[in-house]
Amino acid sequence: MSLSEYEREVQREIDRWQRGDSSLLRQVFDIAMTPFDWLTEHMVPAAAIEQADNAVAKFFSLLSNASEWSVTPDTVIAQAKDLGLEVASVAGLRKLDLEQLDPLARAQFTQSELAAAIQGGGMGLGGVALIVADIPVLFAINLRLIQRVAAAYGFDLRGPQYRPIVMCVFNVAACGDVDSRHQALREVSVAASALSGSGGYKGRVSGTFFAQNRNIPREIAKQVIGRKLAQTIPIAGAAVGAGINYWFTRQTAQASFMVLRALHLECRERHI
């Protein structure tokens, strides 16, 4: 299928994103968090770090065993109709031009970012115990965000076969480097190729779920957990909790936006 000029420009944008440095917002946030990184390293007990790390591992363990996830596409379809897109199913959105779908995808961002910030601010008042409880909630919010952005581009990612591409989005959100983006776009090509054939999408790497994704929880632990544990520092807790949850959800939104636009475009080109 021939792509529009808008879609061609998005392809160039995705290529620049894949090769480029971290966003200015991420760089500024990293600089702002430097004092908290130091305080966390020197003031937070090792037991607290282990508890938080276990919370992340538990979340991904549950994710790996789930056959379906909680989000349904009905809300996205209703939003599409509000924007004048007459579709009856998520798959119908896949046939539309990206210029029509980008506003629908962006509409998914704000609610998740706000929910994550409010959640983090409240949990930031309660020390390590509430931080450990907050971590799976934060990732559940972000998982639903990924699903909603995917639905906006015509993809229902609730099946377990889509775990690899979902984990790639989490990986980009956590570390944001060129390698993670490259891996995500490679996974997009694998998914588009599978969707165009009859074999079904199973992910690029064979083996167990954790063997496929063994580096992703480590990156999340390094980039997210340490900073969330800065919430244990007196006075700063609520503000740090809200800020970190907002930051991570914003990164997930941007990663979803780029990765799933790329998947939509590859499928369009393959006439899927």
C-alpha atoms as a PDB file:
ATOM      1  CA  MET A   1       0.000   0.000   0.000  1.00  0.00           C
ATOM      2  CA  SER A   2       1.316   3.417  -0.927  1.00  0.00           C
ATOM      3  CA  LEU A   3       2.109   5.599   2.074  1.00  0.00           C
ATOM      4  CA  SER A   4       1.060   9.238   2.310  1.00  0.00           C
ATOM      5  CA  GLU A   5       3.584  12.059   2.558  1.00  0.00           C
ATOM      6  CA  TYR A   6       2.675  12.381   6.249  1.00  0.00           C
ATOM      7  CA  GLU A   7       3.502   8.719   6.775  1.00  0.00           C
ATOM      8  CA  ARG A   8       6.774   9.062   4.892  1.00  0.00           C
ATOM      9  CA  GLU A   9       7.736  11.911   7.198  1.00  0.00           C
ATOM     10  CA  VAL A  10       6.846   9.736  10.218  1.00  0.00           C
ATOM     11  CA  GLN A  11       9.163   7.036   8.846  1.00  0.00           C
ATOM     12  CA  ARG A  12      11.961   9.595   8.767  1.00  0.00           C
ATOM     13  CA  GLU A  13      11.049  10.693  12.305  1.00  0.00           C
ATOM     14  CA  ILE A  14      11.224   7.097  13.530  1.00  0.00           C
ATOM     15  CA  ASP A  15      14.599   6.654  11.851  1.00  0.00           C
ATOM     16  CA  ARG A  16      15.935   9.785  13.592  1.00  0.00           C
ATOM     17  CA  TRP A  17      14.483   8.548  16.886  1.00  0.00           C
ATOM     18  CA  GLN A  18      16.183   5.178  16.475  1.00  0.00           C
ATOM     19  CA  ARG A  19      19.598   6.733  15.844  1.00  0.00           C
ATOM     20  CA  GLY A  20      19.311   9.785  18.102  1.00  0.00           C
ATOM     21  CA  ASP A  21      20.270  10.564  21.665  1.00  0.00           C
ATOM     22  CA  SER A  22      17.888  10.633  24.604  1.00  0.00           C
ATOM     23  CA  SER A  23      15.277  13.359  24.563  1.00  0.00           C
ATOM     24  CA  LEU A  24      16.039  16.697  26.189  1.00  0.00           C
ATOM     25  CA  LEU A  25      13.350  16.020  28.810  1.00  0.00           C
ATOM     26  CA  ARG A  26      15.004  12.742  29.764  1.00  0.00           C
ATOM     27  CA  GLN A  27      18.452  14.367  29.970  1.00  0.00           C
ATOM     28  CA  VAL A  28      17.119  17.168  32.175  1.00  0.00           C
ATOM     29  CA  PHE A  29      15.346  14.668  34.421  1.00  0.00           C
ATOM     30  CA  ASP A  30      18.489  12.551  34.735  1.00  0.00           C
ATOM     31  CA  ILE A  31      20.462  15.617  35.806  1.00  0.00           C
ATOM     32  CA  ALA A  32      17.762  16.630  38.295  1.00  0.00           C
ATOM     33  CA  MET A  33      17.772  13.141  39.796  1.00  0.00           C
ATOM     34  CA  THR A  34      21.564  12.980  40.292  1.00  0.00           C
ATOM     35  CA  PRO A  35      21.452  14.102  43.963  1.00  0.00           C
ATOM     36  CA  PHE A  36      18.718  11.548  44.689  1.00  0.00           C
ATOM     37  CA  ASP A  37      20.744   8.823  42.954  1.00  0.00           C
ATOM     38  CA  TRP A  38      23.639   9.593  45.295  1.00  0.00           C
ATOM     39  CA  LEU A  39      21.405   9.705  48.377  1.00  0.00           C
ATOM     40  CA  THR A  40      19.744   6.435  47.432  1.00  0.00           C
ATOM     41  CA  GLU A  41      23.089   4.731  46.957  1.00  0.00           C
ATOM     42  CA  HIS A  42      24.370   5.874  50.339  1.00  0.00           C
ATOM     43  CA  MET A  43      21.235   6.035  52.521  1.00  0.00           C
ATOM     44  CA  VAL A  44      18.788   3.332  51.387  1.00  0.00           C
ATOM     45  CA  PRO A  45      19.361  -0.085  53.012  1.00  0.00           C
ATOM     46  CA  ALA A  46      20.257  -3.023  50.789  1.00  0.00           C
ATOM     47  CA  ALA A  47      17.192  -4.879  52.095  1.00  0.00           C
ATOM     48  CA  ALA A  48      14.925  -2.163  50.711  1.00  0.00           C
ATOM     49  CA  ILE A  49      16.543  -2.406  47.296  1.00  0.00           C
ATOM     50  CA  GLU A  50      16.078  -6.182  47.337  1.00  0.00           C
ATOM     51  CA  GLN A  51      12.392  -5.827  48.280  1.00  0.00           C
ATOM     52  CA  ALA A  52      11.779  -3.413  45.401  1.00  0.00           C
ATOM     53  CA  ASP A  53      13.692  -5.605  42.964  1.00  0.00           C
ATOM     54  CA  ASN A  54      11.570  -8.587  44.009  1.00  0.00           C
ATOM     55  CA  ALA A  55       8.423  -6.551  43.359  1.00  0.00           C
ATOM     56  CA  VAL A  56       9.497  -5.950  39.766  1.00  0.00           C
ATOM     57  CA  ALA A  57      10.392  -9.621  39.312  1.00  0.00           C
ATOM     58  CA  LYS A  58       6.985 -10.652  40.667  1.00  0.00           C
ATOM     59  CA  PHE A  59       5.184  -8.313  38.265  1.00  0.00           C
ATOM     60  CA  PHE A  60       6.985  -9.706  35.229  1.00  0.00           C
ATOM     61  CA  SER A  61       6.460 -13.242  36.476  1.00  0.00           C
ATOM     62  CA  LEU A  62       2.709 -12.644  36.574  1.00  0.00           C
ATOM     63  CA  LEU A  63       2.855 -10.991  33.179  1.00  0.00           C
ATOM     64  CA  SER A  64       4.699 -13.943  31.680  1.00  0.00           C
ATOM     65  CA  ASN A  65       2.059 -16.385  32.924  1.00  0.00           C
ATOM     66  CA  ALA A  66      -0.992 -14.350  31.935  1.00  0.00           C
ATOM     67  CA  SER A  67      -2.976 -15.492  28.917  1.00  0.00           C
ATOM     68  CA  GLU A  68      -4.877 -12.203  28.694  1.00  0.00           C
ATOM     69  CA  TRP A  69      -4.583  -8.753  30.219  1.00  0.00           C
ATOM     70  CA  SER A  70      -7.276  -6.553  31.612  1.00  0.00           C
ATOM     71  CA  VAL A  71      -7.696  -3.813  29.008  1.00  0.00           C
ATOM     72  CA  THR A  72     -10.486  -4.072  26.449  1.00  0.00           C
ATOM     73  CA  PRO A  73     -10.503  -1.979  23.269  1.00  0.00           C
ATOM     74  CA  ASP A  74     -14.034  -0.590  23.700  1.00  0.00           C
ATOM     75  CA  THR A  75     -12.866   2.733  25.128  1.00  0.00           C
ATOM     76  CA  VAL A  76     -10.435   3.316  22.263  1.00  0.00           C
ATOM     77  CA  ILE A  77     -13.124   2.517  19.690  1.00  0.00           C
ATOM     78  CA  ALA A  78     -15.465   5.013  21.364  1.00  0.00           C
ATOM     79  CA  GLN A  79     -12.724   7.668  21.309  1.00  0.00           C
ATOM     80  CA  ALA A  80     -12.083   6.921  17.632  1.00  0.00           C
ATOM     81  CA  LYS A  81     -15.752   7.537  16.847  1.00  0.00           C
ATOM     82  CA  ASP A  82     -15.606  10.817  18.794  1.00  0.00           C
ATOM     83  CA  LEU A  83     -12.786  11.858  16.457  1.00  0.00           C
ATOM     84  CA  GLY A  84     -14.927  11.022  13.422  1.00  0.00           C
ATOM     85  CA  LEU A  85     -13.286   7.672  12.641  1.00  0.00           C
ATOM     86  CA  GLU A  86     -16.070   5.266  11.728  1.00  0.00           C
ATOM     87  CA  VAL A  87     -14.704   1.868  12.720  1.00  0.00           C
ATOM     88  CA  ALA A  88     -16.337  -1.145  14.320  1.00  0.00           C
ATOM     89  CA  SER A  89     -13.220  -2.920  15.587  1.00  0.00           C
ATOM     90  CA  VAL A  90      -9.588  -2.394  16.501  1.00  0.00           C
ATOM     91  CA  ALA A  91      -8.519  -4.189  13.322  1.00  0.00           C
ATOM     92  CA  GLY A  92     -10.438  -1.602  11.315  1.00  0.00           C
ATOM     93  CA  LEU A  93      -8.126   1.139  12.587  1.00  0.00           C
ATOM     94  CA  ARG A  94      -5.186  -0.609  10.936  1.00  0.00           C
ATOM     95  CA  LYS A  95      -6.585   0.361   7.533  1.00  0.00           C
ATOM     96  CA  LEU A  96      -6.553   4.089   8.250  1.00  0.00           C
ATOM     97  CA  ASP A  97      -3.859   6.657   7.489  1.00  0.00           C
ATOM     98  CA  LEU A  98      -1.440   7.398  10.324  1.00  0.00           C
ATOM     99  CA  GLU A  99      -2.397  11.072  10.230  1.00  0.00           C
ATOM    100  CA  GLN A 100      -5.881  10.058  11.377  1.00  0.00           C
ATOM    101  CA  LEU A 101      -4.602   7.776  14.123  1.00  0.00           C
ATOM    102  CA  ASP A 102      -1.854   9.833  15.772  1.00  0.00           C
ATOM    103  CA  PRO A 103      -4.338  12.106  17.627  1.00  0.00           C
ATOM    104  CA  LEU A 104      -6.151   9.000  18.897  1.00  0.00           C
ATOM    105  CA  ALA A 105      -2.884   7.537  20.196  1.00  0.00           C
ATOM    106  CA  ARG A 106      -1.876  10.793  21.889  1.00  0.00           C
ATOM    107  CA  ALA A 107      -5.269  10.915  23.599  1.00  0.00           C
ATOM    108  CA  GLN A 108      -4.217   7.874  25.630  1.00  0.00           C
ATOM    109  CA  PHE A 109      -1.255   9.603  27.267  1.00  0.00           C
ATOM    110  CA  THR A 110      -2.634  12.152  29.730  1.00  0.00           C
ATOM    111  CA  GLN A 111      -4.914   9.931  31.784  1.00  0.00           C
ATOM    112  CA  SER A 112      -2.163   7.360  32.389  1.00  0.00           C
ATOM    113  CA  GLU A 113       0.463   9.996  33.216  1.00  0.00           C
ATOM    114  CA  LEU A 114      -1.861  11.682  35.714  1.00  0.00           C
ATOM    115  CA  ALA A 115      -2.895   8.380  37.316  1.00  0.00           C
ATOM    116  CA  ALA A 116       0.739   7.342  37.711  1.00  0.00           C
ATOM    117  CA  ALA A 117       1.731  10.705  39.239  1.00  0.00           C
ATOM    118  CA  ILE A 118      -1.130  10.656  41.751  1.00  0.00           C
ATOM    119  CA  GLN A 119      -0.331   7.055  42.649  1.00  0.00           C
ATOM    120  CA  GLY A 120       3.361   7.828  43.131  1.00  0.00           C
ATOM    121  CA  GLY A 121       2.690  10.936  45.198  1.00  0.00           C
ATOM    122  CA  GLY A 122       0.432   9.069  47.610  1.00  0.00           C
ATOM    123  CA  MET A 123       2.734   6.086  47.924  1.00  0.00           C
ATOM    124  CA  GLY A 124       5.723   8.363  48.410  1.00  0.00           C
ATOM    125  CA  LEU A 125       4.414   9.297  51.847  1.00  0.00           C
ATOM    126  CA  GLY A 126       4.667   5.775  53.253  1.00  0.00           C
ATOM    127  CA  GLY A 127       8.269   4.611  53.051  1.00  0.00           C
ATOM    128  CA  VAL A 128       9.604   1.349  51.665  1.00  0.00           C
ATOM    129  CA  ALA A 129       6.448  -0.721  52.235  1.00  0.00           C
ATOM    130  CA  LEU A 130       4.302   1.529  50.085  1.00  0.00           C
ATOM    131  CA  ILE A 131       7.026   1.874  47.450  1.00  0.00           C
ATOM    132  CA  VAL A 132       7.101  -1.900  47.058  1.00  0.00           C
ATOM    133  CA  ALA A 133       3.305  -1.854  46.699  1.00  0.00           C
ATOM    134  CA  ASP A 134       3.500   1.039  44.225  1.00  0.00           C
ATOM    135  CA  ILE A 135       5.866  -0.673  41.778  1.00  0.00           C
ATOM    136  CA  PRO A 136       3.438  -3.275  40.352  1.00  0.00           C
ATOM    137  CA  VAL A 137       0.689  -0.642  40.205  1.00  0.00           C
ATOM    138  CA  LEU A 138       2.990   1.662  38.222  1.00  0.00           C
ATOM    139  CA  PHE A 139       3.831  -1.082  35.744  1.00  0.00           C
ATOM    140  CA  ALA A 140       0.166  -2.108  35.451  1.00  0.00           C
ATOM    141  CA  ILE A 141      -0.735   1.488  34.542  1.00  0.00           C
ATOM    142  CA  ASN A 142       1.993   1.466  31.915  1.00  0.00           C
ATOM    143  CA  LEU A 143       0.952  -1.924  30.572  1.00  0.00           C
ATOM    144  CA  ARG A 144      -2.576  -0.624  30.024  1.00  0.00           C
ATOM    145  CA  LEU A 145      -1.126   2.459  28.337  1.00  0.00           C
ATOM    146  CA  ILE A 146       0.854   0.309  25.886  1.00  0.00           C
ATOM    147  CA  GLN A 147      -2.270  -1.701  25.094  1.00  0.00           C
ATOM    148  CA  ARG A 148      -4.358   1.412  24.486  1.00  0.00           C
ATOM    149  CA  VAL A 149      -1.778   2.991  22.189  1.00  0.00           C
ATOM    150  CA  ALA A 150      -1.535  -0.317  20.317  1.00  0.00           C
ATOM    151  CA  ALA A 151      -5.325  -0.412  19.931  1.00  0.00           C
ATOM    152  CA  ALA A 152      -5.251   3.122  18.517  1.00  0.00           C
ATOM    153  CA  TYR A 153      -3.053   1.819  15.685  1.00  0.00           C
ATOM    154  CA  GLY A 154      -5.156  -1.287  15.058  1.00  0.00           C
ATOM    155  CA  PHE A 155      -3.437  -3.924  17.209  1.00  0.00           C
ATOM    156  CA  ASP A 156      -4.853  -5.971  20.061  1.00  0.00           C
ATOM    157  CA  LEU A 157      -1.831  -6.908  22.201  1.00  0.00           C
ATOM    158  CA  ARG A 158      -3.689  -8.824  24.902  1.00  0.00           C
ATOM    159  CA  GLY A 159      -2.471 -12.254  23.809  1.00  0.00           C
ATOM    160  CA  PRO A 160       0.632 -13.798  25.414  1.00  0.00           C
ATOM    161  CA  GLN A 161       2.319 -14.046  22.012  1.00  0.00           C
ATOM    162  CA  TYR A 162       2.749 -10.253  22.082  1.00  0.00           C
ATOM    163  CA  ARG A 163       4.830 -10.250  25.292  1.00  0.00           C
ATOM    164  CA  PRO A 164       8.133  -9.704  23.415  1.00  0.00           C
ATOM    165  CA  ILE A 165       7.034  -6.478  21.741  1.00  0.00           C
ATOM    166  CA  VAL A 166       5.428  -5.218  24.966  1.00  0.00           C
ATOM    167  CA  MET A 167       8.662  -5.915  26.838  1.00  0.00           C
ATOM    168  CA  CYS A 168      10.624  -4.064  24.155  1.00  0.00           C
ATOM    169  CA  VAL A 169       8.510  -0.983  24.827  1.00  0.00           C
ATOM    170  CA  PHE A 170       9.172  -1.300  28.568  1.00  0.00           C
ATOM    171  CA  ASN A 171      12.888  -1.641  27.829  1.00  0.00           C
ATOM    172  CA  VAL A 172      12.963   1.543  25.737  1.00  0.00           C
ATOM    173  CA  ALA A 173      11.065   3.392  28.460  1.00  0.00           C
ATOM    174  CA  ALA A 174      13.466   2.197  31.163  1.00  0.00           C
ATOM    175  CA  CYS A 175      16.814   2.882  29.512  1.00  0.00           C
ATOM    176  CA  GLY A 176      16.031   4.922  26.381  1.00  0.00           C
ATOM    177  CA  ASP A 177      19.327   4.193  24.610  1.00  0.00           C
ATOM    178  CA  VAL A 178      19.980   3.517  20.931  1.00  0.00           C
ATOM    179  CA  ASP A 179      20.386  -0.222  21.457  1.00  0.00           C
ATOM    180  CA  SER A 180      16.985  -0.632  23.130  1.00  0.00           C
ATOM    181  CA  ARG A 181      15.319   1.326  20.320  1.00  0.00           C
ATOM    182  CA  HIS A 182      17.097  -0.754  17.711  1.00  0.00           C
ATOM    183  CA  GLN A 183      15.940  -3.980  19.387  1.00  0.00           C
ATOM    184  CA  ALA A 184      12.368  -2.697  19.542  1.00  0.00           C
ATOM    185  CA  LEU A 185      12.281  -1.841  15.840  1.00  0.00           C
ATOM    186  CA  ARG A 186      13.768  -5.232  14.973  1.00  0.00           C
ATOM    187  CA  GLU A 187      10.920  -6.797  16.933  1.00  0.00           C
ATOM    188  CA  VAL A 188       8.482  -4.626  14.961  1.00  0.00           C
ATOM    189  CA  SER A 189       9.822  -6.071  11.703  1.00  0.00           C
ATOM    190  CA  VAL A 190       9.461  -9.616  13.051  1.00  0.00           C
ATOM    191  CA  ALA A 191       5.893  -8.920  14.171  1.00  0.00           C
ATOM    192  CA  ALA A 192       4.902  -7.336  10.836  1.00  0.00           C
ATOM    193  CA  SER A 193       6.406 -10.240   8.928  1.00  0.00           C
ATOM    194  CA  ALA A 194       4.560 -12.752  11.108  1.00  0.00           C
ATOM    195  CA  LEU A 195       1.269 -10.916  10.772  1.00  0.00           C
ATOM    196  CA  SER A 196       1.628 -11.010   6.983  1.00  0.00           C
ATOM    197  CA  GLY A 197       2.057 -14.812   7.008  1.00  0.00           C
ATOM    198  CA  SER A 198       0.236 -17.755   8.494  1.00  0.00           C
ATOM    199  CA  GLY A 199       2.720 -18.854  11.158  1.00  0.00           C
ATOM    200  CA  GLY A 200       1.716 -16.345  13.812  1.00  0.00           C
ATOM    201  CA  TYR A 201       3.886 -13.981  15.832  1.00  0.00           C
ATOM    202  CA  LYS A 202       5.986 -15.584  18.561  1.00  0.00           C
ATOM    203  CA  GLY A 203       8.790 -13.081  19.071  1.00  0.00           C
ATOM    204  CA  ARG A 204      12.270 -12.900  17.611  1.00  0.00           C
ATOM    205  CA  VAL A 205      14.103 -14.948  20.237  1.00  0.00           C
ATOM    206  CA  SER A 206      13.335 -18.548  21.120  1.00  0.00           C
ATOM    207  CA  GLY A 207      13.341 -19.992  24.636  1.00  0.00           C
ATOM    208  CA  THR A 208      11.582 -19.127  27.854  1.00  0.00           C
ATOM    209  CA  PHE A 209      10.131 -15.721  28.560  1.00  0.00           C
ATOM    210  CA  PHE A 210      12.783 -14.748  31.083  1.00  0.00           C
ATOM    211  CA  ALA A 211      15.568 -16.065  28.845  1.00  0.00           C
ATOM    212  CA  GLN A 212      14.253 -13.807  26.107  1.00  0.00           C
ATOM    213  CA  ASN A 213      14.008 -10.786  28.386  1.00  0.00           C
ATOM    214  CA  ARG A 214      16.634 -11.377  31.074  1.00  0.00           C
ATOM    215  CA  ASN A 215      18.229  -7.927  30.631  1.00  0.00           C
ATOM    216  CA  ILE A 216      15.002  -5.933  30.736  1.00  0.00           C
ATOM    217  CA  PRO A 217      14.172  -6.325  34.457  1.00  0.00           C
ATOM    218  CA  ARG A 218      17.804  -5.436  35.245  1.00  0.00           C
ATOM    219  CA  GLU A 219      17.518  -2.190  33.271  1.00  0.00           C
ATOM    220  CA  ILE A 220      14.258  -1.361  34.999  1.00  0.00           C
ATOM    221  CA  ALA A 221      15.856  -2.081  38.360  1.00  0.00           C
ATOM    222  CA  LYS A 222      18.750   0.223  37.539  1.00  0.00           C
ATOM    223  CA  GLN A 223      16.765   3.061  36.008  1.00  0.00           C
ATOM    224  CA  VAL A 224      13.547   3.053  38.026  1.00  0.00           C
ATOM    225  CA  ILE A 225      13.831   1.241  41.347  1.00  0.00           C
ATOM    226  CA  GLY A 226      16.841   3.111  42.677  1.00  0.00           C
ATOM    227  CA  ARG A 227      15.164   6.420  41.993  1.00  0.00           C
ATOM    228  CA  LYS A 228      11.861   5.341  43.489  1.00  0.00           C
ATOM    229  CA  LEU A 229      13.689   4.416  46.662  1.00  0.00           C
ATOM    230  CA  ALA A 230      14.621   8.078  46.975  1.00  0.00           C
ATOM    231  CA  GLN A 231      11.011   8.386  48.137  1.00  0.00           C
ATOM    232  CA  THR A 232      12.217   7.080  51.508  1.00  0.00           C
ATOM    233  CA  ILE A 233      14.192  10.262  52.068  1.00  0.00           C
ATOM    234  CA  PRO A 234      12.281  12.510  54.532  1.00  0.00           C
ATOM    235  CA  ILE A 235      10.267  15.430  53.062  1.00  0.00           C
ATOM    236  CA  ALA A 236      11.129  14.592  49.437  1.00  0.00           C
ATOM    237  CA  GLY A 237       9.076  11.390  49.295  1.00  0.00           C
ATOM    238  CA  ALA A 238       5.752  12.534  47.815  1.00  0.00           C
ATOM    239  CA  ALA A 239       7.271  14.888  45.245  1.00  0.00           C
ATOM    240  CA  VAL A 240       9.870  12.341  44.154  1.00  0.00           C
ATOM    241  CA  GLY A 241       7.248   9.592  43.955  1.00  0.00           C
ATOM    242  CA  ALA A 242       4.937  11.655  41.773  1.00  0.00           C
ATOM    243  CA  GLY A 243       7.779  12.872  39.572  1.00  0.00           C
ATOM    244  CA  ILE A 244       9.328   9.468  38.961  1.00  0.00           C
ATOM    245  CA  ASN A 245       5.991   7.818  38.188  1.00  0.00           C
ATOM    246  CA  TYR A 246       5.132  10.629  35.788  1.00  0.00           C
ATOM    247  CA  TRP A 247       8.573  10.424  34.177  1.00  0.00           C
ATOM    248  CA  PHE A 248       8.432   6.668  33.621  1.00  0.00           C
ATOM    249  CA  THR A 249       4.882   6.784  32.261  1.00  0.00           C
ATOM    250  CA  ARG A 250       5.820   9.641  29.945  1.00  0.00           C
ATOM    251  CA  GLN A 251       8.751   7.576  28.660  1.00  0.00           C
ATOM    252  CA  THR A 252       6.427   4.607  28.129  1.00  0.00           C
ATOM    253  CA  ALA A 253       3.983   6.803  26.214  1.00  0.00           C
ATOM    254  CA  GLN A 254       6.701   8.079  23.886  1.00  0.00           C
ATOM    255  CA  ALA A 255       8.194   4.621  23.377  1.00  0.00           C
ATOM    256  CA  SER A 256       4.743   3.169  22.609  1.00  0.00           C
ATOM    257  CA  PHE A 257       4.035   6.026  20.225  1.00  0.00           C
ATOM    258  CA  MET A 258       7.171   5.448  18.155  1.00  0.00           C
ATOM    259  CA  VAL A 259       7.268   1.639  18.250  1.00  0.00           C
ATOM    260  CA  LEU A 260       3.598   1.105  17.434  1.00  0.00           C
ATOM    261  CA  ARG A 261       3.582   3.734  14.689  1.00  0.00           C
ATOM    262  CA  ALA A 262       6.454   1.781  13.160  1.00  0.00           C
ATOM    263  CA  LEU A 263       4.431  -1.441  13.398  1.00  0.00           C
ATOM    264  CA  HIS A 264       1.416   0.230  11.800  1.00  0.00           C
ATOM    265  CA  LEU A 265       3.528   1.529   8.912  1.00  0.00           C
ATOM    266  CA  GLU A 266       5.239  -1.805   8.277  1.00  0.00           C
ATOM    267  CA  CYS A 267       1.883  -3.559   8.205  1.00  0.00           C
ATOM    268  CA  ARG A 268       0.501  -0.926   5.832  1.00  0.00           C
ATOM    269  CA  GLU A 269       3.429  -1.455   3.483  1.00  0.00           C
ATOM    270  CA  ARG A 270       2.925  -5.213   3.627  1.00  0.00           C
ATOM    271  CA  HIS A 271      -0.821  -4.788   2.876  1.00  0.00           C
ATOM    272  CA  ILE A 272      -1.822  -6.399   6.160  1.00  0.00           C
END
